[in-house]
Amino acid sequence: MLLEIPLDFACGTLYRQIADHLEKMILAGSIPCGARLPGTRELARTLGVSRSTVVEAYLLLEKRGVVRLKGRSGAFADSGFLPHLASSPEGKNVFHFDSERPTQDLVPFRVLAKISRDALLEDGGNVLGGSPPEGLEELRVALLEHSVLRGIPARAGEMAVTSGGKDALSTVLRSLRAVGYGRVFAEKLTYTDMKDIAANEGLPLRPVPLLGEEGLASLEKLTSRDILYLVPSFQNPTGRTLPPETRREILALRERKGFLILEDDSYGELRYGEKSVPALKALDESEGVVYIGSFSQVLFPGMRLGYILLPPGLRNSYVRTASFRQGQTSSLVQLVMMRFIQQGKLAEAIERARTVLSARMESLVSGLVDVFPGVSVHMPEGGVFLWLPTEKTDGAEAARSASRNGVLVTDGSLYSLDKKMQKAVRFSISSVPAEKMREACARLAKCWAAIF
């Protein structure tokens, strides 16, 4: 089988692009149930990617339940558990709560298109000459001013531009290892790629209990050579936010023990209400927090741009590491983002995203409460994730049951650092409009009747 799959190599998540496209073809019936997919080497050669990228894509498809891996025999389409999707009207309307790809109404592409054209013409092509590894100076100034909105009193010498959140995580861990840090700790439920990123940089990742819910005693074992990775606002996967008092307790403990905090604030600006949720770094007075901000997750997934704020003693190591790892973030992307911020368009886009996402989350929560009246559903304060406990049923079975009715959610076990089975699933609202939530919940009512 010779497959051609459109890939955006600038996006950086090639295995997910491959998995998403193959899943669409399988669910649509273009690749029939039982058909053997191309071998990993063959598909890698056809697409111009590494074999490991295709392997990751096939493993993700197996987790989603649309591919069955049979050892040396290969990978086979396994849409048999979704028999109605290819033939009924319902099959044309699959709800992707498993996807973090934003819908078009969240991406200000028309504004970006105009700014891109105008900026390049006005610049006269000078920006195509490149930029220093820490980013264009004018963009860094604009980002410094933007970080004030998160309550962060940052200085110019702390800022560096990144190619999105994952690039920042990978580069900062490598640079921290170079100056003597030896271990990374994270909450037991956390961002799925963090373990692989840490391992790739030669750092072990060890779980601690959910902070704020199970106490902070586990942090007493951390030393001055340890890193604590946190997503304190609208966490992935649970959607929860650490309260101010817990944040202050963590910072006090950090100052006493000497460990470093790596704050991932990729979703921090997406609060729903008027109530401010300041960044952890905004409360830090001892330069013990490295802060990562990103616009890639919701607004510009294909542009891959973000920023990092580092204490003065760590910035030089980071810039040096960045210079030999990836060189620089696209100078053209930097120019477009710089103009986007300077013209006030970023603030407008974030405000619109908050409004849209708030309406989606409210619709999802109210829909779930209506069909499962005895279930306690916690409404997040912001972000794109909802964590739903599945009572006595493990998340994998609940996800499989939902998928048979065209509602794709993610098994909570995928986010467990200690690989423990989770009786929960995660919803992402990035790809499902508010007006579709009721129908999705009605389908869940049918297949989850025995769960709740």
Protein backbone atom coordinates (compact mmCIF):
# COMPACT_ATOMS: atom_id res chain seq x y z
CA MET A 1 0.00 0.00 0.00
CA LEU A 2 1.49 3.34 -1.10
CA LEU A 3 0.14 6.17 1.04
CA GLU A 4 0.62 9.88 0.59
CA ILE A 5 -0.07 11.90 3.73
CA PRO A 6 0.08 15.72 3.75
CA LEU A 7 2.52 16.84 6.44
CA ASP A 8 3.38 20.26 7.81
CA PHE A 9 7.06 19.86 8.71
CA ALA A 10 7.05 23.25 10.44
CA CYS A 11 4.50 22.03 12.97
CA GLY A 12 6.87 19.68 14.77
CA THR A 13 4.30 17.01 15.72
CA LEU A 14 4.70 14.79 12.68
CA TYR A 15 3.70 11.54 14.36
CA ARG A 16 0.38 13.08 15.47
CA GLN A 17 -0.24 14.43 11.95
CA ILE A 18 0.35 10.96 10.51
CA ALA A 19 -1.86 9.33 13.15
CA ASP A 20 -4.67 11.89 12.70
CA HIS A 21 -4.71 11.47 8.91
CA LEU A 22 -4.63 7.68 9.01
CA GLU A 23 -7.40 7.67 11.62
CA LYS A 24 -9.61 9.79 9.36
CA MET A 25 -9.02 7.39 6.45
CA ILE A 26 -9.79 4.35 8.59
CA LEU A 27 -12.93 5.84 10.13
CA ALA A 28 -14.13 6.99 6.72
CA GLY A 29 -13.64 3.50 5.33
CA SER A 30 -10.98 4.61 2.82
CA ILE A 31 -8.71 2.10 4.49
CA PRO A 32 -10.98 -0.90 5.11
CA CYS A 33 -11.07 -2.81 8.36
CA GLY A 34 -8.41 -5.52 8.33
CA ALA A 35 -6.24 -3.85 5.71
CA ARG A 36 -2.52 -3.99 6.40
CA LEU A 37 -0.89 -0.58 6.74
CA PRO A 38 2.52 0.08 5.16
CA GLY A 39 5.51 -1.14 7.12
CA THR A 40 7.17 1.46 9.31
CA ARG A 41 10.31 1.63 7.15
CA GLU A 42 8.30 1.83 3.94
CA LEU A 43 6.02 4.63 5.18
CA ALA A 44 8.94 6.53 6.71
CA ARG A 45 10.76 6.43 3.36
CA THR A 46 7.63 7.54 1.47
CA LEU A 47 6.94 10.47 3.80
CA GLY A 48 10.55 11.51 4.32
CA VAL A 49 10.44 11.06 8.12
CA SER A 50 12.28 8.85 10.58
CA ARG A 51 11.08 5.33 11.22
CA SER A 52 10.62 6.19 14.92
CA THR A 53 8.11 8.86 13.90
CA VAL A 54 5.97 6.27 12.10
CA VAL A 55 6.32 3.85 15.03
CA GLU A 56 5.04 6.57 17.39
CA ALA A 57 2.12 7.24 15.04
CA TYR A 58 1.15 3.55 14.94
CA LEU A 59 1.40 3.26 18.73
CA LEU A 60 -0.87 6.29 19.10
CA LEU A 61 -3.38 4.76 16.68
CA GLU A 62 -3.32 1.55 18.68
CA LYS A 63 -4.08 3.54 21.85
CA ARG A 64 -6.99 5.18 20.02
CA GLY A 65 -8.27 1.74 19.08
CA VAL A 66 -8.25 2.14 15.30
CA VAL A 67 -5.14 0.06 14.57
CA ARG A 68 -4.09 -3.35 15.79
CA LEU A 69 -0.36 -4.12 15.99
CA LYS A 70 0.52 -7.77 15.37
CA GLY A 71 4.25 -7.97 15.99
CA ARG A 72 6.24 -8.74 12.86
CA SER A 73 3.05 -9.15 10.84
CA GLY A 74 2.59 -5.38 10.94
CA ALA A 75 -0.18 -2.89 11.66
CA PHE A 76 -3.78 -3.47 10.60
CA ALA A 77 -6.79 -1.15 10.40
CA ASP A 78 -9.19 -2.13 13.15
CA SER A 79 -12.34 -0.05 12.66
CA GLY A 80 -14.53 -3.08 13.19
CA PHE A 81 -15.48 -1.85 16.65
CA LEU A 82 -16.94 1.26 14.95
CA PRO A 83 -19.15 -0.42 12.34
CA HIS A 84 -21.67 2.42 12.07
CA LEU A 85 -19.20 5.22 11.47
CA ALA A 86 -18.56 4.49 7.81
CA SER A 87 -22.16 3.91 6.85
CA SER A 88 -24.46 6.06 8.96
CA PRO A 89 -24.96 9.83 9.14
CA GLU A 90 -23.53 9.67 12.65
CA GLY A 91 -20.25 8.48 11.21
CA LYS A 92 -19.77 11.82 9.50
CA ASN A 93 -19.79 13.55 12.87
CA VAL A 94 -17.07 12.17 15.11
CA PHE A 95 -16.41 14.30 18.17
CA HIS A 96 -12.67 14.66 18.75
CA PHE A 97 -12.30 15.37 22.45
CA ASP A 98 -8.98 13.55 22.10
CA SER A 99 -7.50 16.29 19.91
CA GLU A 100 -5.76 19.54 20.88
CA ARG A 101 -5.89 20.95 17.37
CA PRO A 102 -7.86 24.24 17.42
CA THR A 103 -10.89 24.90 15.25
CA GLN A 104 -10.60 27.70 12.70
CA ASP A 105 -12.56 30.18 14.82
CA LEU A 106 -9.72 30.10 17.36
CA VAL A 107 -6.98 30.83 14.81
CA PRO A 108 -6.87 34.46 13.55
CA PHE A 109 -5.56 33.39 10.16
CA ARG A 110 -6.89 36.34 8.14
CA VAL A 111 -5.20 38.85 10.43
CA LEU A 112 -2.02 36.77 10.37
CA ALA A 113 -2.11 36.57 6.58
CA LYS A 114 -2.31 40.36 6.23
CA ILE A 115 0.36 40.99 8.84
CA SER A 116 2.65 38.39 7.23
CA ARG A 117 2.37 40.01 3.81
CA ASP A 118 2.72 43.58 5.05
CA ALA A 119 5.52 42.84 7.51
CA LEU A 120 7.71 41.10 4.96
CA LEU A 121 7.22 43.85 2.37
CA GLU A 122 7.87 46.63 4.88
CA ASP A 123 10.91 44.85 6.27
CA GLY A 124 12.38 44.53 2.78
CA GLY A 125 13.50 40.99 3.43
CA ASN A 126 16.06 41.97 6.09
CA VAL A 127 14.56 39.52 8.58
CA LEU A 128 15.37 36.62 6.27
CA GLY A 129 18.98 37.14 7.29
CA GLY A 130 18.20 35.37 10.56
CA SER A 131 18.29 36.25 14.24
CA PRO A 132 20.39 35.46 17.32
CA PRO A 133 19.49 32.24 19.17
CA GLU A 134 17.75 34.22 21.92
CA GLY A 135 15.43 35.85 19.34
CA LEU A 136 14.91 39.24 17.74
CA GLU A 137 15.48 42.03 20.24
CA GLU A 138 12.32 43.92 19.30
CA LEU A 139 10.21 40.77 19.73
CA ARG A 140 11.80 40.09 23.12
CA VAL A 141 10.84 43.59 24.23
CA ALA A 142 7.26 43.02 23.01
CA LEU A 143 7.09 39.67 24.82
CA LEU A 144 8.49 41.25 27.98
CA GLU A 145 5.65 43.77 27.91
CA HIS A 146 3.17 40.96 27.22
CA SER A 147 4.40 38.95 30.23
CA VAL A 148 3.26 41.81 32.45
CA LEU A 149 -0.29 40.59 31.78
CA ARG A 150 0.61 37.45 33.74
CA GLY A 151 1.81 39.62 36.63
CA ILE A 152 5.48 38.83 35.98
CA PRO A 153 8.03 41.60 36.77
CA ALA A 154 10.56 40.22 34.28
CA ARG A 155 13.76 41.91 33.10
CA ALA A 156 15.16 42.08 29.58
CA GLY A 157 18.09 39.85 30.49
CA GLU A 158 15.76 36.96 31.39
CA MET A 159 13.91 36.63 28.06
CA ALA A 160 14.55 34.23 25.17
CA VAL A 161 12.34 33.27 22.22
CA THR A 162 11.54 29.57 21.66
CA SER A 163 10.03 27.42 18.92
CA GLY A 164 7.04 26.54 21.10
CA GLY A 165 6.62 24.87 24.48
CA LYS A 166 8.13 21.49 23.65
CA ASP A 167 11.27 23.08 22.21
CA ALA A 168 11.60 25.20 25.35
CA LEU A 169 11.22 22.17 27.64
CA SER A 170 13.76 20.12 25.74
CA THR A 171 16.34 22.90 25.47
CA VAL A 172 16.05 24.10 29.05
CA LEU A 173 16.41 20.58 30.45
CA ARG A 174 19.54 20.04 28.39
CA SER A 175 20.96 23.37 29.57
CA LEU A 176 20.10 22.63 33.21
CA ARG A 177 21.74 19.25 33.03
CA ALA A 178 24.87 21.01 31.70
CA VAL A 179 25.08 23.13 34.88
CA GLY A 180 24.62 20.22 37.26
CA TYR A 181 20.92 19.46 37.69
CA GLY A 182 20.33 15.72 37.83
CA ARG A 183 16.64 14.83 38.35
CA VAL A 184 13.19 16.05 37.32
CA PHE A 185 10.07 15.63 39.44
CA ALA A 186 6.50 16.09 38.20
CA GLU A 187 3.00 15.43 39.49
CA LYS A 188 1.90 11.83 38.98
CA LEU A 189 -0.64 12.98 36.39
CA THR A 190 1.07 15.25 33.89
CA TYR A 191 1.77 16.17 30.26
CA THR A 192 2.27 12.92 28.34
CA ASP A 193 5.44 13.88 26.45
CA MET A 194 7.32 15.10 29.51
CA LYS A 195 8.75 11.70 30.38
CA ASP A 196 10.20 11.18 26.89
CA ILE A 197 11.53 14.75 26.77
CA ALA A 198 13.33 14.30 30.10
CA ALA A 199 14.70 10.90 29.09
CA ASN A 200 15.94 12.32 25.79
CA GLU A 201 17.90 14.93 27.74
CA GLY A 202 19.40 12.31 30.06
CA LEU A 203 17.33 13.20 33.12
CA PRO A 204 15.15 10.74 35.09
CA LEU A 205 11.56 11.86 35.68
CA ARG A 206 10.04 10.85 39.02
CA PRO A 207 6.42 11.28 40.14
CA VAL A 208 5.15 13.16 43.18
CA PRO A 209 1.52 13.22 44.39
CA LEU A 210 -0.88 15.87 43.06
CA LEU A 211 0.18 19.01 44.88
CA GLY A 212 -2.54 20.81 46.76
CA GLU A 213 -4.69 17.67 46.92
CA GLU A 214 -2.30 15.24 48.57
CA GLY A 215 -0.06 17.65 50.49
CA LEU A 216 3.47 18.89 49.84
CA ALA A 217 5.43 16.47 52.04
CA SER A 218 6.78 14.69 48.95
CA LEU A 219 8.76 17.81 48.02
CA GLU A 220 10.86 17.55 51.17
CA LYS A 221 13.10 15.01 49.42
CA LEU A 222 14.06 17.42 46.63
CA THR A 223 17.54 18.94 46.71
CA SER A 224 19.30 21.92 45.15
CA ARG A 225 20.13 19.75 42.11
CA ASP A 226 16.50 18.83 41.38
CA ILE A 227 13.89 20.34 39.07
CA LEU A 228 10.16 20.41 39.82
CA TYR A 229 8.05 20.58 36.63
CA LEU A 230 4.63 22.13 37.22
CA VAL A 231 1.60 23.20 35.19
CA PRO A 232 -0.03 25.24 37.99
CA SER A 233 -2.76 26.87 35.87
CA PHE A 234 -5.41 24.78 34.06
CA GLN A 235 -3.24 21.71 34.22
CA ASN A 236 -2.92 19.09 31.52
CA PRO A 237 -4.64 16.64 31.99
CA THR A 238 -6.79 17.47 35.04
CA GLY A 239 -7.71 21.08 34.21
CA ARG A 240 -7.16 22.03 37.84
CA THR A 241 -5.50 25.22 39.10
CA LEU A 242 -3.31 25.45 42.19
CA PRO A 243 -4.78 27.96 44.66
CA PRO A 244 -2.66 31.00 45.68
CA GLU A 245 -1.96 29.66 49.16
CA THR A 246 -0.60 26.37 47.76
CA ARG A 247 1.59 28.29 45.32
CA ARG A 248 3.08 30.32 48.14
CA GLU A 249 3.71 27.17 50.18
CA ILE A 250 5.52 25.57 47.23
CA LEU A 251 7.66 28.68 46.73
CA ALA A 252 8.52 28.80 50.44
CA LEU A 253 9.52 25.14 50.32
CA ARG A 254 11.57 25.79 47.18
CA GLU A 255 13.47 28.60 48.89
CA ARG A 256 14.20 26.39 51.87
CA LYS A 257 15.24 23.27 49.90
CA GLY A 258 16.89 25.03 46.97
CA PHE A 259 15.32 23.09 44.09
CA LEU A 260 14.36 24.80 40.81
CA ILE A 261 10.77 25.12 39.57
CA LEU A 262 10.03 24.77 35.86
CA GLU A 263 6.63 26.43 35.30
CA ASP A 264 4.80 25.44 32.10
CA ASP A 265 2.20 28.15 31.57
CA SER A 266 1.12 27.15 28.06
CA TYR A 267 -2.58 27.55 28.91
CA GLY A 268 -2.25 30.17 31.65
CA GLU A 269 -3.72 33.06 29.69
CA LEU A 270 -6.92 31.16 28.88
CA ARG A 271 -8.83 31.91 32.07
CA TYR A 272 -12.62 32.01 31.71
CA GLY A 273 -13.74 34.61 34.23
CA GLU A 274 -12.60 38.06 35.28
CA LYS A 275 -10.75 36.67 38.30
CA SER A 276 -7.00 36.93 37.82
CA VAL A 277 -4.90 33.75 37.99
CA PRO A 278 -1.31 35.09 38.24
CA ALA A 279 1.59 32.92 37.20
CA LEU A 280 3.66 31.13 39.83
CA LYS A 281 6.64 33.19 38.67
CA ALA A 282 4.72 36.36 39.49
CA LEU A 283 4.86 35.33 43.16
CA ASP A 284 8.53 34.29 43.12
CA GLU A 285 10.94 36.69 44.82
CA SER A 286 14.04 34.50 44.93
CA GLU A 287 14.68 33.80 41.22
CA GLY A 288 13.89 30.13 41.62
CA VAL A 289 11.32 29.74 38.80
CA VAL A 290 11.97 29.18 35.10
CA TYR A 291 8.84 30.24 33.20
CA ILE A 292 7.66 28.89 29.82
CA GLY A 293 4.94 30.64 27.83
CA SER A 294 3.64 29.44 24.46
CA PHE A 295 1.17 30.57 21.81
CA SER A 296 1.37 27.30 19.88
CA GLN A 297 -1.09 25.19 21.86
CA VAL A 298 -4.33 26.97 21.02
CA LEU A 299 -3.75 29.97 18.76
CA PHE A 300 -0.91 29.10 16.37
CA PRO A 301 -0.06 25.39 16.44
CA GLY A 302 1.73 25.58 13.08
CA MET A 303 3.84 28.63 13.91
CA ARG A 304 5.65 27.08 16.89
CA LEU A 305 6.58 30.15 18.88
CA GLY A 306 6.83 30.87 22.58
CA TYR A 307 9.17 32.33 25.14
CA ILE A 308 11.09 31.46 28.26
CA LEU A 309 12.11 33.55 31.26
CA LEU A 310 15.22 32.37 33.09
CA PRO A 311 17.06 33.62 36.18
CA PRO A 312 20.22 35.53 35.12
CA GLY A 313 22.53 32.71 36.21
CA LEU A 314 20.84 30.21 33.88
CA ARG A 315 20.11 32.24 30.75
CA ASN A 316 23.61 32.04 29.25
CA SER A 317 23.61 28.24 29.50
CA TYR A 318 20.19 28.14 27.83
CA VAL A 319 21.21 30.43 24.94
CA ARG A 320 24.43 28.47 24.42
CA THR A 321 22.48 25.18 24.32
CA ALA A 322 19.88 26.64 21.95
CA SER A 323 22.57 27.92 19.57
CA PHE A 324 23.98 24.46 18.87
CA ARG A 325 20.69 22.51 19.09
CA GLN A 326 18.34 24.33 16.72
CA GLY A 327 20.14 27.58 16.05
CA GLN A 328 17.23 29.99 15.99
CA THR A 329 13.48 30.22 15.83
CA SER A 330 12.25 31.16 12.34
CA SER A 331 13.02 34.87 12.00
CA LEU A 332 10.01 35.32 9.71
CA VAL A 333 7.68 33.82 12.32
CA GLN A 334 9.28 36.10 14.90
CA LEU A 335 8.67 39.16 12.72
CA VAL A 336 5.00 38.26 12.19
CA MET A 337 4.45 37.65 15.92
CA MET A 338 6.22 40.88 16.79
CA ARG A 339 3.86 42.90 14.59
CA PHE A 340 0.91 40.84 15.83
CA ILE A 341 1.69 41.83 19.42
CA GLN A 342 2.57 45.44 18.63
CA GLN A 343 -0.73 45.98 16.81
CA GLY A 344 -2.68 44.64 19.79
CA LYS A 345 -3.90 41.60 17.87
CA LEU A 346 -2.53 39.04 20.33
CA ALA A 347 -4.54 40.51 23.18
CA GLU A 348 -7.64 40.44 20.96
CA ALA A 349 -7.01 36.82 19.93
CA ILE A 350 -6.53 35.69 23.53
CA GLU A 351 -9.71 37.47 24.63
CA ARG A 352 -11.67 35.83 21.82
CA ALA A 353 -10.21 32.42 22.68
CA ARG A 354 -11.27 32.88 26.30
CA THR A 355 -14.83 33.67 25.25
CA VAL A 356 -15.08 30.75 22.81
CA LEU A 357 -13.47 28.21 25.14
CA SER A 358 -15.51 29.34 28.13
CA ALA A 359 -18.73 28.79 26.17
CA ARG A 360 -17.52 25.35 25.08
CA MET A 361 -16.55 24.25 28.57
CA GLU A 362 -19.81 25.50 30.09
CA SER A 363 -21.77 23.63 27.40
CA LEU A 364 -19.79 20.45 27.99
CA VAL A 365 -20.08 20.58 31.78
CA SER A 366 -23.82 21.37 31.73
CA GLY A 367 -24.39 18.64 29.13
CA LEU A 368 -22.59 16.04 31.24
CA VAL A 369 -24.46 17.11 34.39
CA ASP A 370 -27.79 16.82 32.56
CA VAL A 371 -27.20 13.29 31.28
CA PHE A 372 -25.38 12.09 34.42
CA PRO A 373 -27.16 13.98 37.23
CA GLY A 374 -25.49 12.02 40.03
CA VAL A 375 -21.96 12.75 38.85
CA SER A 376 -19.87 15.60 40.22
CA VAL A 377 -18.27 17.44 37.30
CA HIS A 378 -15.70 20.07 38.23
CA MET A 379 -15.79 23.18 36.03
CA PRO A 380 -12.18 24.30 35.34
CA GLU A 381 -11.26 27.96 35.78
CA GLY A 382 -9.73 28.07 32.30
CA GLY A 383 -7.77 26.15 29.66
CA VAL A 384 -9.03 23.39 27.38
CA PHE A 385 -9.09 20.24 29.56
CA LEU A 386 -11.76 18.52 31.63
CA TRP A 387 -10.99 15.49 33.82
CA LEU A 388 -13.95 13.17 34.35
CA PRO A 389 -13.77 10.30 36.87
CA THR A 390 -15.45 7.15 35.51
CA GLU A 391 -16.54 5.64 38.82
CA LYS A 392 -15.63 1.92 38.91
CA THR A 393 -14.72 1.66 35.23
CA ASP A 394 -11.15 2.16 34.08
CA GLY A 395 -10.52 4.99 31.63
CA ALA A 396 -9.44 2.72 28.79
CA GLU A 397 -12.76 0.85 28.78
CA ALA A 398 -14.75 4.09 29.08
CA ALA A 399 -12.82 5.56 26.14
CA ARG A 400 -13.39 2.45 24.01
CA SER A 401 -17.10 2.49 24.82
CA ALA A 402 -17.37 6.17 23.86
CA SER A 403 -15.46 5.64 20.62
CA ARG A 404 -18.01 3.08 19.46
CA ASN A 405 -20.50 5.94 19.47
CA GLY A 406 -18.24 8.41 17.70
CA VAL A 407 -17.07 10.31 20.80
CA LEU A 408 -13.30 10.17 21.15
CA VAL A 409 -11.92 10.91 24.61
CA THR A 410 -8.53 10.04 26.10
CA ASP A 411 -7.88 7.31 28.65
CA GLY A 412 -6.61 9.01 31.81
CA SER A 413 -3.99 6.29 32.26
CA LEU A 414 -1.94 7.81 29.43
CA TYR A 415 -1.05 10.72 31.72
CA SER A 416 0.06 8.57 34.65
CA LEU A 417 3.82 8.75 35.27
CA ASP A 418 3.76 5.62 37.42
CA LYS A 419 1.68 3.82 34.74
CA LYS A 420 -1.20 3.15 37.12
CA MET A 421 -4.64 2.52 35.69
CA GLN A 422 -6.85 5.61 36.02
CA LYS A 423 -10.60 5.48 36.45
CA ALA A 424 -10.98 8.69 34.49
CA VAL A 425 -10.93 10.14 31.00
CA ARG A 426 -9.72 13.50 29.70
CA PHE A 427 -11.74 15.79 27.43
CA SER A 428 -10.08 18.46 25.27
CA ILE A 429 -12.43 21.14 23.92
CA SER A 430 -10.01 22.51 21.30
CA SER A 431 -11.68 20.72 18.38
CA VAL A 432 -15.38 20.58 19.37
CA PRO A 433 -17.64 23.66 19.01
CA ALA A 434 -20.07 24.61 21.79
CA GLU A 435 -23.14 23.83 19.67
CA LYS A 436 -21.98 20.20 19.32
CA MET A 437 -21.63 19.47 23.03
CA ARG A 438 -25.25 18.46 23.62
CA GLU A 439 -25.20 15.85 20.87
CA ALA A 440 -21.88 14.48 22.12
CA CYS A 441 -23.22 14.19 25.68
CA ALA A 442 -26.40 12.49 24.42
CA ARG A 443 -24.26 9.82 22.77
CA LEU A 444 -22.25 9.37 25.96
CA ALA A 445 -25.50 8.91 27.88
CA LYS A 446 -26.22 5.85 25.73
CA CYS A 447 -22.86 4.15 26.02
CA TRP A 448 -21.98 5.16 29.60
CA ALA A 449 -25.34 4.35 31.17
CA ALA A 450 -23.78 1.38 32.95
CA ILE A 451 -20.83 3.43 34.22
CA PHE A 452 -22.69 6.20 36.02
